[in-house]
C-alpha atoms as a PDB file:
ATOM      1  CA  UNK A   1      73.153  36.644 136.927  1.00  0.00           C
ATOM      2  CA  UNK A   2      69.841  36.227 135.114  1.00  0.00           C
ATOM      3  CA  UNK A   3      66.521  37.436 136.561  1.00  0.00           C
ATOM      4  CA  UNK A   4      63.316  35.781 135.350  1.00  0.00           C
ATOM      5  CA  UNK A   5      59.631  36.307 136.030  1.00  0.00           C
ATOM      6  CA  UNK A   6      57.565  33.130 135.991  1.00  0.00           C
ATOM      7  CA  UNK A   7      54.413  31.370 137.074  1.00  0.00           C
ATOM      8  CA  UNK A   8      53.461  27.831 138.008  1.00  0.00           C
ATOM      9  CA  UNK A   9      49.772  28.634 137.675  1.00  0.00           C
ATOM     10  CA  UNK A  10      49.639  31.099 140.557  1.00  0.00           C
ATOM     11  CA  UNK A  11      50.677  34.750 140.874  1.00  0.00           C
ATOM     12  CA  UNK A  12      53.859  35.749 139.012  1.00  0.00           C
ATOM     13  CA  UNK A  13      57.112  35.372 140.940  1.00  0.00           C
ATOM     14  CA  UNK A  14      60.738  36.317 140.332  1.00  0.00           C
ATOM     15  CA  UNK A  15      63.818  34.122 140.377  1.00  0.00           C
ATOM     16  CA  UNK A  16      67.499  34.000 139.567  1.00  0.00           C
ATOM     17  CA  UNK A  17      68.213  31.528 136.775  1.00  0.00           C
ATOM     18  CA  UNK A  18      71.100  29.161 137.466  1.00  0.00           C
ATOM     19  CA  UNK A  19      72.510  26.244 135.508  1.00  0.00           C
ATOM     20  CA  UNK A  20      73.510  25.311 131.983  1.00  0.00           C
ATOM     21  CA  UNK A  21      71.074  25.396 129.028  1.00  0.00           C
ATOM     22  CA  UNK A  22      68.585  22.583 129.383  1.00  0.00           C
ATOM     23  CA  UNK A  23      69.281  22.155 133.105  1.00  0.00           C
ATOM     24  CA  UNK A  24      68.352  25.589 134.484  1.00  0.00           C
ATOM     25  CA  UNK A  25      66.824  26.061 137.899  1.00  0.00           C
ATOM     26  CA  UNK A  26      64.773  29.006 139.145  1.00  0.00           C
ATOM     27  CA  UNK A  27      66.076  30.217 142.513  1.00  0.00           C
ATOM     28  CA  UNK A  28      62.947  31.929 143.798  1.00  0.00           C
ATOM     29  CA  UNK A  29      63.107  35.496 145.161  1.00  0.00           C
ATOM     30  CA  UNK A  30      60.893  37.467 147.517  1.00  0.00           C
ATOM     31  CA  UNK A  31      59.205  40.375 145.761  1.00  0.00           C
ATOM     32  CA  UNK A  32      60.371  42.248 142.668  1.00  0.00           C
ATOM     33  CA  UNK A  33      64.167  42.725 142.550  1.00  0.00           C
ATOM     34  CA  UNK A  34      63.816  45.956 140.574  1.00  0.00           C
ATOM     35  CA  UNK A  35      62.209  47.552 143.632  1.00  0.00           C
ATOM     36  CA  UNK A  36      63.832  45.733 146.569  1.00  0.00           C
ATOM     37  CA  UNK A  37      67.110  43.997 147.451  1.00  0.00           C
ATOM     38  CA  UNK A  38      67.484  40.391 146.344  1.00  0.00           C
ATOM     39  CA  UNK A  39      66.135  38.023 148.987  1.00  0.00           C
ATOM     40  CA  UNK A  40      65.999  34.261 148.485  1.00  0.00           C
ATOM     41  CA  UNK A  41      63.016  32.199 149.627  1.00  0.00           C
ATOM     42  CA  UNK A  42      65.004  28.942 149.640  1.00  0.00           C
ATOM     43  CA  UNK A  43      62.782  27.405 146.962  1.00  0.00           C
ATOM     44  CA  UNK A  44      64.354  26.042 143.760  1.00  0.00           C
ATOM     45  CA  UNK A  45      62.195  25.130 140.757  1.00  0.00           C
ATOM     46  CA  UNK A  46      63.486  23.295 137.654  1.00  0.00           C
ATOM     47  CA  UNK A  47      62.818  25.485 134.617  1.00  0.00           C
ATOM     48  CA  UNK A  48      61.903  22.385 132.614  1.00  0.00           C
ATOM     49  CA  UNK A  49      59.111  21.416 135.025  1.00  0.00           C
ATOM     50  CA  UNK A  50      55.853  21.024 133.138  1.00  0.00           C
ATOM     51  CA  UNK A  51      53.931  23.679 135.059  1.00  0.00           C
ATOM     52  CA  UNK A  52      56.625  26.397 134.769  1.00  0.00           C
ATOM     53  CA  UNK A  53      55.954  29.205 132.331  1.00  0.00           C
ATOM     54  CA  UNK A  54      58.333  32.106 131.779  1.00  0.00           C
ATOM     55  CA  UNK A  55      56.629  35.499 131.602  1.00  0.00           C
ATOM     56  CA  UNK A  56      57.840  38.832 130.276  1.00  0.00           C
ATOM     57  CA  UNK A  57      60.617  39.665 132.752  1.00  0.00           C
ATOM     58  CA  UNK A  58      59.215  43.160 133.331  1.00  0.00           C
ATOM     59  CA  UNK A  59      55.870  44.887 132.771  1.00  0.00           C
ATOM     60  CA  UNK A  60      56.704  48.613 132.781  1.00  0.00           C
ATOM     61  CA  UNK A  61      54.494  50.509 135.223  1.00  0.00           C
ATOM     62  CA  UNK A  62      55.229  53.718 133.345  1.00  0.00           C
ATOM     63  CA  UNK A  63      56.410  53.427 129.732  1.00  0.00           C
ATOM     64  CA  UNK A  64      58.359  51.781 126.939  1.00  0.00           C
ATOM     65  CA  UNK A  65      60.483  54.172 124.883  1.00  0.00           C
ATOM     66  CA  UNK A  66      61.461  53.062 121.401  1.00  0.00           C
ATOM     67  CA  UNK A  67      64.333  54.442 119.352  1.00  0.00           C
ATOM     68  CA  UNK A  68      63.885  54.509 115.595  1.00  0.00           C
ATOM     69  CA  UNK A  69      66.559  54.449 112.890  1.00  0.00           C
ATOM     70  CA  UNK A  70      69.482  53.689 115.219  1.00  0.00           C
ATOM     71  CA  UNK A  71      71.411  51.375 112.847  1.00  0.00           C
ATOM     72  CA  UNK A  72      72.705  52.912 109.626  1.00  0.00           C
ATOM     73  CA  UNK A  73      72.105  49.836 107.425  1.00  0.00           C
ATOM     74  CA  UNK A  74      68.494  49.592 108.611  1.00  0.00           C
ATOM     75  CA  UNK A  75      68.011  53.282 107.847  1.00  0.00           C
ATOM     76  CA  UNK A  76      69.341  52.662 104.327  1.00  0.00           C
ATOM     77  CA  UNK A  77      67.160  49.600 103.690  1.00  0.00           C
ATOM     78  CA  UNK A  78      64.059  51.622 104.605  1.00  0.00           C
ATOM     79  CA  UNK A  79      65.078  54.523 102.341  1.00  0.00           C
ATOM     80  CA  UNK A  80      65.384  57.019 105.185  1.00  0.00           C
ATOM     81  CA  UNK A  81      68.060  59.453 106.317  1.00  0.00           C
ATOM     82  CA  UNK A  82      70.140  59.103 109.465  1.00  0.00           C
ATOM     83  CA  UNK A  83      68.621  61.190 112.265  1.00  0.00           C
ATOM     84  CA  UNK A  84      70.728  63.977 113.755  1.00  0.00           C
ATOM     85  CA  UNK A  85      69.335  63.072 117.190  1.00  0.00           C
ATOM     86  CA  UNK A  86      67.629  59.924 118.531  1.00  0.00           C
ATOM     87  CA  UNK A  87      64.159  59.439 117.073  1.00  0.00           C
ATOM     88  CA  UNK A  88      61.823  58.485 119.931  1.00  0.00           C
ATOM     89  CA  UNK A  89      58.381  56.887 120.171  1.00  0.00           C
ATOM     90  CA  UNK A  90      56.315  55.287 122.932  1.00  0.00           C
ATOM     91  CA  UNK A  91      54.683  51.883 123.258  1.00  0.00           C
ATOM     92  CA  UNK A  92      52.073  51.134 125.945  1.00  0.00           C
ATOM     93  CA  UNK A  93      52.678  48.428 128.541  1.00  0.00           C
ATOM     94  CA  UNK A  94      49.685  46.558 127.099  1.00  0.00           C
ATOM     95  CA  UNK A  95      51.894  45.766 124.092  1.00  0.00           C
ATOM     96  CA  UNK A  96      54.169  43.547 126.226  1.00  0.00           C
ATOM     97  CA  UNK A  97      54.099  39.759 125.957  1.00  0.00           C
ATOM     98  CA  UNK A  98      56.564  37.141 127.144  1.00  0.00           C
ATOM     99  CA  UNK A  99      58.430  34.135 125.759  1.00  0.00           C
ATOM    100  CA  UNK A 100      56.275  31.770 123.671  1.00  0.00           C
ATOM    101  CA  UNK A 101      53.256  34.090 123.857  1.00  0.00           C
ATOM    102  CA  UNK A 102      51.668  34.641 120.431  1.00  0.00           C
ATOM    103  CA  UNK A 103      52.193  37.781 118.395  1.00  0.00           C
ATOM    104  CA  UNK A 104      48.613  38.441 117.298  1.00  0.00           C
ATOM    105  CA  UNK A 105      48.350  40.160 113.923  1.00  0.00           C
ATOM    106  CA  UNK A 106      45.622  42.850 113.950  1.00  0.00           C
ATOM    107  CA  UNK A 107      42.837  42.695 111.390  1.00  0.00           C
ATOM    108  CA  UNK A 108      43.641  46.206 110.162  1.00  0.00           C
ATOM    109  CA  UNK A 109      47.153  45.436 108.896  1.00  0.00           C
ATOM    110  CA  UNK A 110      48.493  43.216 106.134  1.00  0.00           C
ATOM    111  CA  UNK A 111      52.211  43.994 106.540  1.00  0.00           C
ATOM    112  CA  UNK A 112      53.743  43.249 109.937  1.00  0.00           C
ATOM    113  CA  UNK A 113      57.532  43.106 110.410  1.00  0.00           C
ATOM    114  CA  UNK A 114      59.870  41.731 113.072  1.00  0.00           C
ATOM    115  CA  UNK A 115      62.556  44.014 114.561  1.00  0.00           C
ATOM    116  CA  UNK A 116      65.251  42.414 116.765  1.00  0.00           C
ATOM    117  CA  UNK A 117      66.423  44.752 119.535  1.00  0.00           C
ATOM    118  CA  UNK A 118      68.451  45.012 122.714  1.00  0.00           C
ATOM    119  CA  UNK A 119      66.229  46.332 125.509  1.00  0.00           C
ATOM    120  CA  UNK A 120      67.385  48.333 128.537  1.00  0.00           C
ATOM    121  CA  UNK A 121      65.524  47.999 131.845  1.00  0.00           C
ATOM    122  CA  UNK A 122      65.863  51.074 134.051  1.00  0.00           C
ATOM    123  CA  UNK A 123      66.508  50.498 137.756  1.00  0.00           C
ATOM    124  CA  UNK A 124      66.449  54.000 139.291  1.00  0.00           C
ATOM    125  CA  UNK A 125      64.509  57.232 138.954  1.00  0.00           C
ATOM    126  CA  UNK A 126      66.456  59.034 136.235  1.00  0.00           C
ATOM    127  CA  UNK A 127      66.230  62.639 135.077  1.00  0.00           C
ATOM    128  CA  UNK A 128      68.796  64.692 133.144  1.00  0.00           C
ATOM    129  CA  UNK A 129      71.537  62.119 133.676  1.00  0.00           C
ATOM    130  CA  UNK A 130      74.870  62.603 131.921  1.00  0.00           C
ATOM    131  CA  UNK A 131      76.142  59.962 129.482  1.00  0.00           C
ATOM    132  CA  UNK A 132      78.999  59.293 131.907  1.00  0.00           C
ATOM    133  CA  UNK A 133      76.535  58.320 134.675  1.00  0.00           C
ATOM    134  CA  UNK A 134      73.764  56.893 132.544  1.00  0.00           C
ATOM    135  CA  UNK A 135      74.695  53.211 132.813  1.00  0.00           C
ATOM    136  CA  UNK A 136      74.575  53.464 136.626  1.00  0.00           C
ATOM    137  CA  UNK A 137      70.794  53.827 136.249  1.00  0.00           C
ATOM    138  CA  UNK A 138      70.343  50.481 134.469  1.00  0.00           C
ATOM    139  CA  UNK A 139      68.925  47.435 136.234  1.00  0.00           C
ATOM    140  CA  UNK A 140      69.763  45.128 133.352  1.00  0.00           C
ATOM    141  CA  UNK A 141      69.187  44.135 129.745  1.00  0.00           C
ATOM    142  CA  UNK A 142      66.807  41.837 127.923  1.00  0.00           C
ATOM    143  CA  UNK A 143      65.770  40.870 124.384  1.00  0.00           C
ATOM    144  CA  UNK A 144      62.950  42.627 122.528  1.00  0.00           C
ATOM    145  CA  UNK A 145      61.044  42.350 119.278  1.00  0.00           C
ATOM    146  CA  UNK A 146      59.657  45.739 118.238  1.00  0.00           C
ATOM    147  CA  UNK A 147      56.874  44.276 116.092  1.00  0.00           C
ATOM    148  CA  UNK A 148      55.675  46.884 113.593  1.00  0.00           C
ATOM    149  CA  UNK A 149      52.652  47.202 111.323  1.00  0.00           C
ATOM    150  CA  UNK A 150      54.642  48.710 108.468  1.00  0.00           C
ATOM    151  CA  UNK A 151      51.630  49.721 106.351  1.00  0.00           C
ATOM    152  CA  UNK A 152      50.079  51.643 109.249  1.00  0.00           C
ATOM    153  CA  UNK A 153      53.445  53.219 110.025  1.00  0.00           C
ATOM    154  CA  UNK A 154      53.531  54.635 106.496  1.00  0.00           C
ATOM    155  CA  UNK A 155      49.937  55.855 106.376  1.00  0.00           C
ATOM    156  CA  UNK A 156      49.322  57.146 109.905  1.00  0.00           C
ATOM    157  CA  UNK A 157      52.051  59.799 109.983  1.00  0.00           C
ATOM    158  CA  UNK A 158      52.966  58.808 113.543  1.00  0.00           C
ATOM    159  CA  UNK A 159      53.796  55.408 114.989  1.00  0.00           C
ATOM    160  CA  UNK A 160      51.492  54.858 117.967  1.00  0.00           C
ATOM    161  CA  UNK A 161      49.157  52.355 116.306  1.00  0.00           C
ATOM    162  CA  UNK A 162      51.811  50.722 114.117  1.00  0.00           C
ATOM    163  CA  UNK A 163      54.124  49.947 117.034  1.00  0.00           C
ATOM    164  CA  UNK A 164      51.804  49.980 120.041  1.00  0.00           C
ATOM    165  CA  UNK A 165      49.143  47.379 119.306  1.00  0.00           C
ATOM    166  CA  UNK A 166      48.561  44.501 121.724  1.00  0.00           C
ATOM    167  CA  UNK A 167      51.364  41.877 121.572  1.00  0.00           C
ATOM    168  CA  UNK A 168      53.716  44.181 119.605  1.00  0.00           C
ATOM    169  CA  UNK A 169      56.424  44.146 122.296  1.00  0.00           C
ATOM    170  CA  UNK A 170      57.699  40.655 123.140  1.00  0.00           C
ATOM    171  CA  UNK A 171      60.306  40.793 125.938  1.00  0.00           C
ATOM    172  CA  UNK A 172      62.424  38.034 127.475  1.00  0.00           C
ATOM    173  CA  UNK A 173      63.442  35.450 128.287  1.00  0.00           C
ATOM    174  CA  UNK A 174      65.029  37.152 131.334  1.00  0.00           C
ATOM    175  CA  UNK A 175      66.999  40.208 132.440  1.00  0.00           C
ATOM    176  CA  UNK A 176      70.796  40.172 132.678  1.00  0.00           C
ATOM    177  CA  UNK A 177      72.262  42.872 134.976  1.00  0.00           C
ATOM    178  CA  UNK A 178      75.805  44.191 134.700  1.00  0.00           C
ATOM    179  CA  UNK A 179      76.283  43.352 131.031  1.00  0.00           C
ATOM    180  CA  UNK A 180      78.735  45.088 128.693  1.00  0.00           C
ATOM    181  CA  UNK A 181      76.576  45.830 125.666  1.00  0.00           C
ATOM    182  CA  UNK A 182      78.821  47.710 123.231  1.00  0.00           C
ATOM    183  CA  UNK A 183      79.575  44.723 120.976  1.00  0.00           C
ATOM    184  CA  UNK A 184      76.861  42.093 121.255  1.00  0.00           C
ATOM    185  CA  UNK A 185      75.614  40.046 118.308  1.00  0.00           C
ATOM    186  CA  UNK A 186      71.897  40.530 117.687  1.00  0.00           C
ATOM    187  CA  UNK A 187      69.833  38.425 115.296  1.00  0.00           C
ATOM    188  CA  UNK A 188      66.349  37.389 114.232  1.00  0.00           C
ATOM    189  CA  UNK A 189      65.288  34.079 112.703  1.00  0.00           C
ATOM    190  CA  UNK A 190      61.905  33.290 111.180  1.00  0.00           C
ATOM    191  CA  UNK A 191      61.109  29.573 110.958  1.00  0.00           C
ATOM    192  CA  UNK A 192      64.815  28.927 111.483  1.00  0.00           C
ATOM    193  CA  UNK A 193      65.919  31.198 108.613  1.00  0.00           C
ATOM    194  CA  UNK A 194      68.288  34.023 109.526  1.00  0.00           C
ATOM    195  CA  UNK A 195      66.740  37.391 108.732  1.00  0.00           C
ATOM    196  CA  UNK A 196      68.721  39.874 110.833  1.00  0.00           C
ATOM    197  CA  UNK A 197      72.370  39.532 111.820  1.00  0.00           C
ATOM    198  CA  UNK A 198      73.841  42.646 113.403  1.00  0.00           C
ATOM    199  CA  UNK A 199      75.895  43.922 116.305  1.00  0.00           C
ATOM    200  CA  UNK A 200      75.172  46.564 118.933  1.00  0.00           C
ATOM    201  CA  UNK A 201      78.539  48.132 118.080  1.00  0.00           C
ATOM    202  CA  UNK A 202      76.838  49.506 114.963  1.00  0.00           C
ATOM    203  CA  UNK A 203      74.299  51.653 116.816  1.00  0.00           C
ATOM    204  CA  UNK A 204      74.251  55.270 115.687  1.00  0.00           C
ATOM    205  CA  UNK A 205      73.696  56.368 119.309  1.00  0.00           C
ATOM    206  CA  UNK A 206      75.012  54.064 122.044  1.00  0.00           C
ATOM    207  CA  UNK A 207      73.088  53.009 125.145  1.00  0.00           C
ATOM    208  CA  UNK A 208      74.588  55.632 127.470  1.00  0.00           C
ATOM    209  CA  UNK A 209      73.791  58.418 125.001  1.00  0.00           C
ATOM    210  CA  UNK A 210      70.223  57.159 124.584  1.00  0.00           C
ATOM    211  CA  UNK A 211      69.538  57.053 128.323  1.00  0.00           C
ATOM    212  CA  UNK A 212      70.929  60.543 128.766  1.00  0.00           C
ATOM    213  CA  UNK A 213      68.996  61.965 125.816  1.00  0.00           C
ATOM    214  CA  UNK A 214      65.715  60.297 126.806  1.00  0.00           C
ATOM    215  CA  UNK A 215      66.029  61.368 130.446  1.00  0.00           C
ATOM    216  CA  UNK A 216      66.168  65.001 129.297  1.00  0.00           C
ATOM    217  CA  UNK A 217      62.679  64.573 127.867  1.00  0.00           C
ATOM    218  CA  UNK A 218      61.028  62.061 130.223  1.00  0.00           C
ATOM    219  CA  UNK A 219      61.728  61.120 133.812  1.00  0.00           C
ATOM    220  CA  UNK A 220      62.628  57.440 133.641  1.00  0.00           C
ATOM    221  CA  UNK A 221      61.206  55.266 136.411  1.00  0.00           C
ATOM    222  CA  UNK A 222      62.285  51.849 137.694  1.00  0.00           C
ATOM    223  CA  UNK A 223      60.977  49.203 135.310  1.00  0.00           C
ATOM    224  CA  UNK A 224      60.804  51.490 132.288  1.00  0.00           C
ATOM    225  CA  UNK A 225      62.141  49.848 129.129  1.00  0.00           C
ATOM    226  CA  UNK A 226      64.156  51.411 126.319  1.00  0.00           C
ATOM    227  CA  UNK A 227      64.221  49.660 122.931  1.00  0.00           C
ATOM    228  CA  UNK A 228      67.533  50.617 121.344  1.00  0.00           C
ATOM    229  CA  UNK A 229      66.789  50.134 117.637  1.00  0.00           C
ATOM    230  CA  UNK A 230      67.061  47.319 115.134  1.00  0.00           C
ATOM    231  CA  UNK A 231      69.763  46.279 112.641  1.00  0.00           C
ATOM    232  CA  UNK A 232      69.137  45.680 108.939  1.00  0.00           C
ATOM    233  CA  UNK A 233      67.115  42.735 107.688  1.00  0.00           C
ATOM    234  CA  UNK A 234      63.628  43.482 108.995  1.00  0.00           C
ATOM    235  CA  UNK A 235      60.914  41.645 107.142  1.00  0.00           C
ATOM    236  CA  UNK A 236      57.380  40.268 107.164  1.00  0.00           C
ATOM    237  CA  UNK A 237      55.892  37.782 109.586  1.00  0.00           C
ATOM    238  CA  UNK A 238      52.645  35.952 108.863  1.00  0.00           C
ATOM    239  CA  UNK A 239      50.273  33.509 110.524  1.00  0.00           C
ATOM    240  CA  UNK A 240      52.057  30.261 111.418  1.00  0.00           C
ATOM    241  CA  UNK A 241      55.560  31.740 111.597  1.00  0.00           C
ATOM    242  CA  UNK A 242      57.836  31.360 114.608  1.00  0.00           C
ATOM    243  CA  UNK A 243      60.137  34.298 115.340  1.00  0.00           C
ATOM    244  CA  UNK A 244      63.312  33.916 117.393  1.00  0.00           C
ATOM    245  CA  UNK A 245      65.223  37.019 118.443  1.00  0.00           C
ATOM    246  CA  UNK A 246      68.617  36.456 120.044  1.00  0.00           C
ATOM    247  CA  UNK A 247      71.059  38.784 121.767  1.00  0.00           C
ATOM    248  CA  UNK A 248      74.473  37.442 122.664  1.00  0.00           C
ATOM    249  CA  UNK A 249      75.012  36.789 126.393  1.00  0.00           C
ATOM    250  CA  UNK A 250      71.289  37.188 127.106  1.00  0.00           C
ATOM    251  CA  UNK A 251      69.396  34.477 125.246  1.00  0.00           C
ATOM    252  CA  UNK A 252      66.658  33.681 122.750  1.00  0.00           C
ATOM    253  CA  UNK A 253      63.156  35.172 122.735  1.00  0.00           C
ATOM    254  CA  UNK A 254      60.758  32.918 120.817  1.00  0.00           C
ATOM    255  CA  UNK A 255      57.198  33.804 119.769  1.00  0.00           C
ATOM    256  CA  UNK A 256      54.704  32.198 117.378  1.00  0.00           C
ATOM    257  CA  UNK A 257      52.655  34.407 115.064  1.00  0.00           C
ATOM    258  CA  UNK A 258      48.879  34.060 114.729  1.00  0.00           C
ATOM    259  CA  UNK A 259      46.059  35.853 112.968  1.00  0.00           C
ATOM    260  CA  UNK A 260      42.682  35.351 114.621  1.00  0.00           C
ATOM    261  CA  UNK A 261      39.372  35.731 112.832  1.00  0.00           C
END
């Protein structure tokens, strides 16, 4: 099952996505399925219809928790040491954009990087959960790009501005519940050129461990998003680029890059 959030020019709605690539239909739902049981309206909308626009599949009401340095090869390429425990940071919900929305480069940075990531969408109030029960708290998984102003990350001493600016958290194209995520291919392409090519099996801390560890610090609420870290190959994006982040069994998240005067 795939859960999308979309608009046809009116208020956002939710739908199950059915059909093969290029022939998908949106099976419209009543309300937000994170907060209520799935109920069909009976309406079906072709995804290819001209007025259909996919939105970020979730806008966290509470928080986005990022995990830094969670792939050993990425840690090495950045000249850092492996953390003994998950390295956490927060991004505001104003950083979220959806498929095909532009990543807007801020005027105060000259070095912005893409970071392909698997994202976890929490489905239940979660506090102090054990690793053995952690995956029971998950609503589903989506694709993320943890866009980072690398120069600000180096100079600021903390990561709020570098990773939290508007449009720095593309999410999409939809949420996939019930997915096994221990060995999924994850990649990033810029203008069609492969930049990152990794696998979630290479995480330093797996998804269950991350949820458990994070829930000891913060109560996780339905709709909260966890970014699970990025594999090696991060690199610059500039005005005019198109970034595609792909996670196996979920899909492709595509965003153009712009710098506005």
